Amino acid sequence: QAKSGDKKAAIKSAKKSLEKAKEAGNDDYIKMNTESIAEWS
């Protein structure tokens, strides 16, 4: 979505991914999603 230029949708999907990554305890995906959300915002 970010590559397609739809940053709003990309942030929404990244937030969902971040939430699930936290539930799974996956630090790598937590970090990647947090950084992407900040960048796209």
All heavy atoms as atom14 arrays in JSON, in Angstrom:
{
  "sequence": "QAKSGDKKAAIKSAKKSLEKAKEAGNDDYIKMNTESIAEWS",
  "atom14_mask": [
    [1, 1, 1, 1, 1, 1, 1, 1, 1, 0, 0, 0, 0, 0],
    [1, 1, 1, 1, 1, 0, 0, 0, 0, 0, 0, 0, 0, 0],
    [1, 1, 1, 1, 1, 1, 1, 1, 1, 0, 0, 0, 0, 0],
    [1, 1, 1, 1, 1, 1, 0, 0, 0, 0, 0, 0, 0, 0],
    [1, 1, 1, 1, 0, 0, 0, 0, 0, 0, 0, 0, 0, 0],
    [1, 1, 1, 1, 1, 1, 1, 1, 0, 0, 0, 0, 0, 0],
    [1, 1, 1, 1, 1, 1, 1, 1, 1, 0, 0, 0, 0, 0],
    [1, 1, 1, 1, 1, 1, 1, 1, 1, 0, 0, 0, 0, 0],
    [1, 1, 1, 1, 1, 0, 0, 0, 0, 0, 0, 0, 0, 0],
    [1, 1, 1, 1, 1, 0, 0, 0, 0, 0, 0, 0, 0, 0],
    [1, 1, 1, 1, 1, 1, 1, 1, 0, 0, 0, 0, 0, 0],
    [1, 1, 1, 1, 1, 1, 1, 1, 1, 0, 0, 0, 0, 0],
    [1, 1, 1, 1, 1, 1, 0, 0, 0, 0, 0, 0, 0, 0],
    [1, 1, 1, 1, 1, 0, 0, 0, 0, 0, 0, 0, 0, 0],
    [1, 1, 1, 1, 1, 1, 1, 1, 1, 0, 0, 0, 0, 0],
    [1, 1, 1, 1, 1, 1, 1, 1, 1, 0, 0, 0, 0, 0],
    [1, 1, 1, 1, 1, 1, 0, 0, 0, 0, 0, 0, 0, 0],
    [1, 1, 1, 1, 1, 1, 1, 1, 0, 0, 0, 0, 0, 0],
    [1, 1, 1, 1, 1, 1, 1, 1, 1, 0, 0, 0, 0, 0],
    [1, 1, 1, 1, 1, 1, 1, 1, 1, 0, 0, 0, 0, 0],
    [1, 1, 1, 1, 1, 0, 0, 0, 0, 0, 0, 0, 0, 0],
    [1, 1, 1, 1, 1, 1, 1, 1, 1, 0, 0, 0, 0, 0],
    [1, 1, 1, 1, 1, 1, 1, 1, 1, 0, 0, 0, 0, 0],
    [1, 1, 1, 1, 1, 0, 0, 0, 0, 0, 0, 0, 0, 0],
    [1, 1, 1, 1, 0, 0, 0, 0, 0, 0, 0, 0, 0, 0],
    [1, 1, 1, 1, 1, 1, 1, 1, 0, 0, 0, 0, 0, 0],
    [1, 1, 1, 1, 1, 1, 1, 1, 0, 0, 0, 0, 0, 0],
    [1, 1, 1, 1, 1, 1, 1, 1, 0, 0, 0, 0, 0, 0],
    [1, 1, 1, 1, 1, 1, 1, 1, 1, 1, 1, 1, 0, 0],
    [1, 1, 1, 1, 1, 1, 1, 1, 0, 0, 0, 0, 0, 0],
    [1, 1, 1, 1, 1, 1, 1, 1, 1, 0, 0, 0, 0, 0],
    [1, 1, 1, 1, 1, 1, 1, 1, 0, 0, 0, 0, 0, 0],
    [1, 1, 1, 1, 1, 1, 1, 1, 0, 0, 0, 0, 0, 0],
    [1, 1, 1, 1, 1, 1, 1, 0, 0, 0, 0, 0, 0, 0],
    [1, 1, 1, 1, 1, 1, 1, 1, 1, 0, 0, 0, 0, 0],
    [1, 1, 1, 1, 1, 1, 0, 0, 0, 0, 0, 0, 0, 0],
    [1, 1, 1, 1, 1, 1, 1, 1, 0, 0, 0, 0, 0, 0],
    [1, 1, 1, 1, 1, 0, 0, 0, 0, 0, 0, 0, 0, 0],
    [1, 1, 1, 1, 1, 1, 1, 1, 1, 0, 0, 0, 0, 0],
    [1, 1, 1, 1, 1, 1, 1, 1, 1, 1, 1, 1, 1, 1],
    [1, 1, 1, 1, 1, 1, 0, 0, 0, 0, 0, 0, 0, 0]
  ],
  "atom14_positions": [
    [[0.83, -1.21, 0.0], [0.0, 0.0, 0.0], [0.87, 1.26, 0.0], [0.55, 2.24, -0.69], [-0.93, -0.02, 1.21], [-2.03, -1.07, 1.1], [-2.75, -1.32, 2.41], [-2.19, -1.13, 3.5], [-4.0, -1.77, 2.33], [0.0, 0.0, 0.0], [0.0, 0.0, 0.0], [0.0, 0.0, 0.0], [0.0, 0.0, 0.0], [0.0, 0.0, 0.0]],
    [[1.95, 1.24, 0.75], [2.85, 2.4, 0.78], [3.5, 2.62, -0.58], [3.59, 3.75, -1.06], [3.92, 2.2, 1.85], [0.0, 0.0, 0.0], [0.0, 0.0, 0.0], [0.0, 0.0, 0.0], [0.0, 0.0, 0.0], [0.0, 0.0, 0.0], [0.0, 0.0, 0.0], [0.0, 0.0, 0.0], [0.0, 0.0, 0.0], [0.0, 0.0, 0.0]],
    [[3.92, 1.53, -1.23], [4.52, 1.64, -2.56], [3.52, 2.14, -3.58], [3.88, 2.81, -4.55], [5.08, 0.29, -3.01], [6.36, -0.12, -2.31], [6.88, -1.43, -2.89], [8.16, -1.87, -2.21], [8.68, -3.14, -2.77], [0.0, 0.0, 0.0], [0.0, 0.0, 0.0], [0.0, 0.0, 0.0], [0.0, 0.0, 0.0], [0.0, 0.0, 0.0]],
    [[2.26, 1.82, -3.35], [1.19, 2.26, -4.27], [0.82, 3.72, -4.06], [0.05, 4.28, -4.83], [-0.06, 1.39, -4.07], [0.21, 0.04, -4.33], [0.0, 0.0, 0.0], [0.0, 0.0, 0.0], [0.0, 0.0, 0.0], [0.0, 0.0, 0.0], [0.0, 0.0, 0.0], [0.0, 0.0, 0.0], [0.0, 0.0, 0.0], [0.0, 0.0, 0.0]],
    [[1.34, 4.31, -2.99], [1.06, 5.71, -2.71], [-0.08, 5.94, -1.75], [-0.43, 7.09, -1.47], [0.0, 0.0, 0.0], [0.0, 0.0, 0.0], [0.0, 0.0, 0.0], [0.0, 0.0, 0.0], [0.0, 0.0, 0.0], [0.0, 0.0, 0.0], [0.0, 0.0, 0.0], [0.0, 0.0, 0.0], [0.0, 0.0, 0.0], [0.0, 0.0, 0.0]],
    [[-0.66, 4.87, -1.23], [-1.78, 5.0, -0.29], [-1.26, 4.9, 1.14], [-1.36, 3.85, 1.8], [-2.82, 3.91, -0.57], [-4.13, 4.14, 0.17], [-4.17, 5.01, 1.07], [-5.12, 3.44, -0.13], [0.0, 0.0, 0.0], [0.0, 0.0, 0.0], [0.0, 0.0, 0.0], [0.0, 0.0, 0.0], [0.0, 0.0, 0.0], [0.0, 0.0, 0.0]],
    [[-0.67, 5.99, 1.64], [-0.05, 5.99, 2.96], [-1.09, 5.79, 4.07], [-0.8, 5.16, 5.09], [0.69, 7.32, 3.19], [1.88, 7.56, 2.26], [2.99, 6.57, 2.52], [4.31, 7.01, 1.89], [4.26, 7.2, 0.46], [0.0, 0.0, 0.0], [0.0, 0.0, 0.0], [0.0, 0.0, 0.0], [0.0, 0.0, 0.0], [0.0, 0.0, 0.0]],
    [[-2.29, 6.32, 3.88], [-3.34, 6.18, 4.89], [-3.68, 4.72, 5.12], [-3.75, 4.25, 6.28], [-4.58, 6.96, 4.46], [-5.69, 6.96, 5.49], [-6.86, 7.82, 5.03], [-7.99, 7.83, 6.06], [-9.13, 8.67, 5.61], [0.0, 0.0, 0.0], [0.0, 0.0, 0.0], [0.0, 0.0, 0.0], [0.0, 0.0, 0.0], [0.0, 0.0, 0.0]],
    [[-3.87, 3.98, 4.02], [-4.17, 2.55, 4.13], [-2.97, 1.79, 4.68], [-3.12, 0.84, 5.47], [-4.59, 1.99, 2.77], [0.0, 0.0, 0.0], [0.0, 0.0, 0.0], [0.0, 0.0, 0.0], [0.0, 0.0, 0.0], [0.0, 0.0, 0.0], [0.0, 0.0, 0.0], [0.0, 0.0, 0.0], [0.0, 0.0, 0.0], [0.0, 0.0, 0.0]],
    [[-1.76, 2.22, 4.3], [-0.55, 1.55, 4.76], [-0.41, 1.68, 6.27], [-0.06, 0.71, 6.97], [0.67, 2.15, 4.06], [0.0, 0.0, 0.0], [0.0, 0.0, 0.0], [0.0, 0.0, 0.0], [0.0, 0.0, 0.0], [0.0, 0.0, 0.0], [0.0, 0.0, 0.0], [0.0, 0.0, 0.0], [0.0, 0.0, 0.0], [0.0, 0.0, 0.0]],
    [[-0.69, 2.87, 6.81], [-0.6, 3.09, 8.25], [-1.63, 2.24, 8.99], [-1.34, 1.64, 10.03], [-0.79, 4.59, 8.58], [0.4, 5.4, 8.04], [-0.97, 4.8, 10.07], [0.2, 6.9, 8.09], [0.0, 0.0, 0.0], [0.0, 0.0, 0.0], [0.0, 0.0, 0.0], [0.0, 0.0, 0.0], [0.0, 0.0, 0.0], [0.0, 0.0, 0.0]],
    [[-2.82, 2.17, 8.43], [-3.88, 1.37, 9.04], [-3.47, -0.11, 9.12], [-3.64, -0.76, 10.16], [-5.18, 1.52, 8.24], [-6.37, 0.79, 8.84], [-7.63, 1.05, 8.02], [-8.83, 0.3, 8.61], [-10.06, 0.55, 7.8], [0.0, 0.0, 0.0], [0.0, 0.0, 0.0], [0.0, 0.0, 0.0], [0.0, 0.0, 0.0], [0.0, 0.0, 0.0]],
    [[-2.93, -0.64, 8.02], [-2.51, -2.05, 8.0], [-1.32, -2.27, 8.93], [-1.24, -3.3, 9.61], [-2.13, -2.45, 6.57], [-3.24, -2.38, 5.71], [0.0, 0.0, 0.0], [0.0, 0.0, 0.0], [0.0, 0.0, 0.0], [0.0, 0.0, 0.0], [0.0, 0.0, 0.0], [0.0, 0.0, 0.0], [0.0, 0.0, 0.0], [0.0, 0.0, 0.0]],
    [[-0.39, -1.3, 8.97], [0.78, -1.42, 9.83], [0.37, -1.43, 11.31], [0.97, -2.14, 12.12], [1.76, -0.28, 9.56], [0.0, 0.0, 0.0], [0.0, 0.0, 0.0], [0.0, 0.0, 0.0], [0.0, 0.0, 0.0], [0.0, 0.0, 0.0], [0.0, 0.0, 0.0], [0.0, 0.0, 0.0], [0.0, 0.0, 0.0], [0.0, 0.0, 0.0]],
    [[-0.64, -0.64, 11.66], [-1.12, -0.62, 13.05], [-1.73, -1.96, 13.43], [-1.55, -2.45, 14.55], [-2.13, 0.51, 13.24], [-1.49, 1.9, 13.27], [-2.51, 2.99, 13.49], [-1.85, 4.37, 13.6], [-2.85, 5.45, 13.78], [0.0, 0.0, 0.0], [0.0, 0.0, 0.0], [0.0, 0.0, 0.0], [0.0, 0.0, 0.0], [0.0, 0.0, 0.0]],
    [[-2.45, -2.58, 12.49], [-3.02, -3.9, 12.75], [-1.89, -4.93, 12.92], [-1.94, -5.79, 13.8], [-3.94, -4.32, 11.6], [-5.23, -3.54, 11.5], [-6.05, -4.04, 10.32], [-7.36, -3.26, 10.18], [-8.16, -3.73, 9.01], [0.0, 0.0, 0.0], [0.0, 0.0, 0.0], [0.0, 0.0, 0.0], [0.0, 0.0, 0.0], [0.0, 0.0, 0.0]],
    [[-0.89, -4.82, 12.06], [0.26, -5.72, 12.15], [1.0, -5.53, 13.47], [1.41, -6.5, 14.12], [1.22, -5.47, 10.97], [2.36, -6.29, 11.06], [0.0, 0.0, 0.0], [0.0, 0.0, 0.0], [0.0, 0.0, 0.0], [0.0, 0.0, 0.0], [0.0, 0.0, 0.0], [0.0, 0.0, 0.0], [0.0, 0.0, 0.0], [0.0, 0.0, 0.0]],
    [[1.15, -4.26, 13.87], [1.83, -3.94, 15.13], [1.09, -4.56, 16.31], [1.71, -5.14, 17.22], [1.92, -2.42, 15.29], [2.52, -1.9, 16.6], [3.94, -2.4, 16.77], [2.47, -0.37, 16.62], [0.0, 0.0, 0.0], [0.0, 0.0, 0.0], [0.0, 0.0, 0.0], [0.0, 0.0, 0.0], [0.0, 0.0, 0.0], [0.0, 0.0, 0.0]],
    [[-0.22, -4.42, 16.31], [-1.03, -4.96, 17.41], [-0.87, -6.48, 17.51], [-0.66, -7.03, 18.61], [-2.5, -4.61, 17.19], [-3.43, -5.09, 18.3], [-4.89, -4.73, 18.03], [-5.14, -3.92, 17.12], [-5.76, -5.28, 18.74], [0.0, 0.0, 0.0], [0.0, 0.0, 0.0], [0.0, 0.0, 0.0], [0.0, 0.0, 0.0], [0.0, 0.0, 0.0]],
    [[-0.93, -7.16, 16.36], [-0.79, -8.62, 16.36], [0.64, -9.05, 16.7], [0.86, -10.09, 17.34], [-1.21, -9.18, 15.0], [-2.72, -9.13, 14.76], [-3.07, -9.7, 13.41], [-4.59, -9.75, 13.21], [-5.24, -10.76, 14.08], [0.0, 0.0, 0.0], [0.0, 0.0, 0.0], [0.0, 0.0, 0.0], [0.0, 0.0, 0.0], [0.0, 0.0, 0.0]],
    [[1.62, -8.24, 16.28], [3.01, -8.55, 16.6], [3.26, -8.45, 18.09], [4.02, -9.25, 18.67], [3.95, -7.62, 15.84], [0.0, 0.0, 0.0], [0.0, 0.0, 0.0], [0.0, 0.0, 0.0], [0.0, 0.0, 0.0], [0.0, 0.0, 0.0], [0.0, 0.0, 0.0], [0.0, 0.0, 0.0], [0.0, 0.0, 0.0], [0.0, 0.0, 0.0]],
    [[2.63, -7.48, 18.72], [2.75, -7.34, 20.18], [2.13, -8.55, 20.88], [2.67, -9.06, 21.86], [2.07, -6.05, 20.65], [2.85, -4.78, 20.29], [2.12, -3.53, 20.76], [2.92, -2.27, 20.46], [2.2, -1.03, 20.88], [0.0, 0.0, 0.0], [0.0, 0.0, 0.0], [0.0, 0.0, 0.0], [0.0, 0.0, 0.0], [0.0, 0.0, 0.0]],
    [[0.99, -9.0, 20.37], [0.33, -10.18, 20.95], [1.22, -11.41, 20.82], [1.26, -12.26, 21.71], [-1.01, -10.43, 20.26], [-2.07, -9.36, 20.53], [-3.33, -9.57, 19.69], [-3.35, -10.54, 18.91], [-4.28, -8.77, 19.83], [0.0, 0.0, 0.0], [0.0, 0.0, 0.0], [0.0, 0.0, 0.0], [0.0, 0.0, 0.0], [0.0, 0.0, 0.0]],
    [[1.94, -11.48, 19.69], [2.8, -12.63, 19.44], [4.18, -12.48, 20.1], [4.97, -13.43, 20.13], [2.98, -12.83, 17.94], [0.0, 0.0, 0.0], [0.0, 0.0, 0.0], [0.0, 0.0, 0.0], [0.0, 0.0, 0.0], [0.0, 0.0, 0.0], [0.0, 0.0, 0.0], [0.0, 0.0, 0.0], [0.0, 0.0, 0.0], [0.0, 0.0, 0.0]],
    [[4.47, -11.27, 20.6], [5.77, -11.03, 21.21], [6.91, -11.01, 20.22], [8.05, -11.38, 20.56], [0.0, 0.0, 0.0], [0.0, 0.0, 0.0], [0.0, 0.0, 0.0], [0.0, 0.0, 0.0], [0.0, 0.0, 0.0], [0.0, 0.0, 0.0], [0.0, 0.0, 0.0], [0.0, 0.0, 0.0], [0.0, 0.0, 0.0], [0.0, 0.0, 0.0]],
    [[6.63, -10.57, 18.97], [7.66, -10.54, 17.94], [8.29, -9.14, 17.88], [7.74, -8.21, 17.29], [7.06, -10.91, 16.57], [8.13, -11.15, 15.52], [8.92, -10.26, 15.21], [8.16, -12.35, 14.97], [0.0, 0.0, 0.0], [0.0, 0.0, 0.0], [0.0, 0.0, 0.0], [0.0, 0.0, 0.0], [0.0, 0.0, 0.0], [0.0, 0.0, 0.0]],
    [[9.46, -9.01, 18.49], [10.12, -7.7, 18.6], [10.52, -7.12, 17.24], [10.49, -5.9, 17.05], [11.35, -7.8, 19.5], [10.98, -8.06, 20.96], [9.84, -7.73, 21.34], [11.82, -8.58, 21.7], [0.0, 0.0, 0.0], [0.0, 0.0, 0.0], [0.0, 0.0, 0.0], [0.0, 0.0, 0.0], [0.0, 0.0, 0.0], [0.0, 0.0, 0.0]],
    [[10.91, -7.99, 16.33], [11.34, -7.51, 15.01], [10.2, -6.79, 14.29], [10.39, -5.69, 13.74], [11.85, -8.67, 14.14], [13.18, -9.21, 14.63], [13.89, -8.47, 15.34], [13.52, -10.37, 14.3], [0.0, 0.0, 0.0], [0.0, 0.0, 0.0], [0.0, 0.0, 0.0], [0.0, 0.0, 0.0], [0.0, 0.0, 0.0], [0.0, 0.0, 0.0]],
    [[9.03, -7.41, 14.29], [7.9, -6.8, 13.6], [7.36, -5.59, 14.36], [6.83, -4.67, 13.75], [6.8, -7.84, 13.36], [7.03, -8.64, 12.1], [7.93, -9.7, 12.08], [6.37, -8.33, 10.91], [8.16, -10.43, 10.93], [6.58, -9.05, 9.75], [7.49, -10.1, 9.77], [7.72, -10.81, 8.62], [0.0, 0.0, 0.0], [0.0, 0.0, 0.0]],
    [[7.48, -5.61, 15.67], [7.1, -4.43, 16.45], [7.96, -3.24, 16.02], [7.45, -2.14, 15.77], [7.25, -4.7, 17.96], [6.21, -5.72, 18.43], [7.13, -3.4, 18.76], [6.42, -6.2, 19.85], [0.0, 0.0, 0.0], [0.0, 0.0, 0.0], [0.0, 0.0, 0.0], [0.0, 0.0, 0.0], [0.0, 0.0, 0.0], [0.0, 0.0, 0.0]],
    [[9.26, -3.47, 15.93], [10.19, -2.41, 15.55], [9.92, -1.93, 14.12], [9.85, -0.72, 13.85], [11.62, -2.91, 15.66], [12.7, -1.87, 15.36], [14.08, -2.46, 15.62], [15.18, -1.41, 15.41], [15.28, -0.96, 14.01], [0.0, 0.0, 0.0], [0.0, 0.0, 0.0], [0.0, 0.0, 0.0], [0.0, 0.0, 0.0], [0.0, 0.0, 0.0]],
    [[9.77, -2.87, 13.18], [9.58, -2.49, 11.78], [8.28, -1.7, 11.59], [8.26, -0.68, 10.88], [9.57, -3.75, 10.89], [10.94, -4.38, 10.73], [10.98, -5.72, 9.49], [9.96, -6.97, 10.28], [0.0, 0.0, 0.0], [0.0, 0.0, 0.0], [0.0, 0.0, 0.0], [0.0, 0.0, 0.0], [0.0, 0.0, 0.0], [0.0, 0.0, 0.0]],
    [[7.21, -2.16, 12.21], [5.93, -1.47, 12.07], [5.95, -0.09, 12.72], [5.43, 0.88, 12.16], [4.8, -2.32, 12.66], [4.37, -3.44, 11.74], [4.07, -3.21, 10.58], [4.36, -4.65, 12.26], [0.0, 0.0, 0.0], [0.0, 0.0, 0.0], [0.0, 0.0, 0.0], [0.0, 0.0, 0.0], [0.0, 0.0, 0.0], [0.0, 0.0, 0.0]],
    [[6.55, -0.01, 13.88], [6.64, 1.28, 14.58], [7.4, 2.29, 13.74], [6.99, 3.46, 13.59], [7.34, 1.11, 15.94], [6.58, 0.19, 16.75], [7.44, 2.44, 16.67], [0.0, 0.0, 0.0], [0.0, 0.0, 0.0], [0.0, 0.0, 0.0], [0.0, 0.0, 0.0], [0.0, 0.0, 0.0], [0.0, 0.0, 0.0], [0.0, 0.0, 0.0]],
    [[8.52, 1.87, 13.16], [9.32, 2.76, 12.33], [8.57, 3.17, 11.06], [8.63, 4.33, 10.63], [10.64, 2.09, 11.97], [11.59, 1.94, 13.17], [12.85, 1.19, 12.82], [12.91, 0.61, 11.71], [13.78, 1.18, 13.65], [0.0, 0.0, 0.0], [0.0, 0.0, 0.0], [0.0, 0.0, 0.0], [0.0, 0.0, 0.0], [0.0, 0.0, 0.0]],
    [[7.87, 2.22, 10.44], [7.13, 2.53, 9.21], [5.99, 3.49, 9.48], [5.75, 4.42, 8.7], [6.6, 1.24, 8.58], [7.65, 0.44, 8.09], [0.0, 0.0, 0.0], [0.0, 0.0, 0.0], [0.0, 0.0, 0.0], [0.0, 0.0, 0.0], [0.0, 0.0, 0.0], [0.0, 0.0, 0.0], [0.0, 0.0, 0.0], [0.0, 0.0, 0.0]],
    [[5.27, 3.27, 10.57], [4.15, 4.17, 10.91], [4.67, 5.59, 11.1], [4.07, 6.56, 10.62], [3.43, 3.66, 12.18], [2.69, 2.35, 11.87], [2.45, 4.72, 12.7], [2.18, 1.62, 13.1], [0.0, 0.0, 0.0], [0.0, 0.0, 0.0], [0.0, 0.0, 0.0], [0.0, 0.0, 0.0], [0.0, 0.0, 0.0], [0.0, 0.0, 0.0]],
    [[5.8, 5.73, 11.8], [6.39, 7.05, 12.01], [6.82, 7.67, 10.69], [6.6, 8.87, 10.44], [7.57, 6.93, 12.96], [0.0, 0.0, 0.0], [0.0, 0.0, 0.0], [0.0, 0.0, 0.0], [0.0, 0.0, 0.0], [0.0, 0.0, 0.0], [0.0, 0.0, 0.0], [0.0, 0.0, 0.0], [0.0, 0.0, 0.0], [0.0, 0.0, 0.0]],
    [[7.41, 6.88, 9.83], [7.88, 7.38, 8.53], [6.71, 7.82, 7.65], [6.72, 8.91, 7.07], [8.68, 6.28, 7.81], [9.16, 6.67, 6.41], [9.77, 5.52, 5.65], [10.04, 4.46, 6.27], [9.97, 5.66, 4.43], [0.0, 0.0, 0.0], [0.0, 0.0, 0.0], [0.0, 0.0, 0.0], [0.0, 0.0, 0.0], [0.0, 0.0, 0.0]],
    [[5.69, 6.98, 7.55], [4.56, 7.3, 6.66], [3.7, 8.43, 7.23], [3.08, 9.16, 6.48], [3.72, 6.05, 6.43], [4.5, 4.94, 5.72], [5.54, 5.11, 4.88], [4.29, 3.53, 5.86], [6.01, 3.88, 4.45], [5.25, 2.9, 5.04], [3.39, 2.74, 6.57], [5.34, 1.5, 4.92], [3.47, 1.37, 6.45], [4.43, 0.75, 5.63]],
    [[3.66, 8.54, 8.55], [2.87, 9.62, 9.17], [3.51, 10.99, 8.98], [2.83, 12.01, 9.01], [2.7, 9.34, 10.67], [2.0, 8.13, 10.88], [0.0, 0.0, 0.0], [0.0, 0.0, 0.0], [0.0, 0.0, 0.0], [0.0, 0.0, 0.0], [0.0, 0.0, 0.0], [0.0, 0.0, 0.0], [0.0, 0.0, 0.0], [0.0, 0.0, 0.0]]
  ]
}
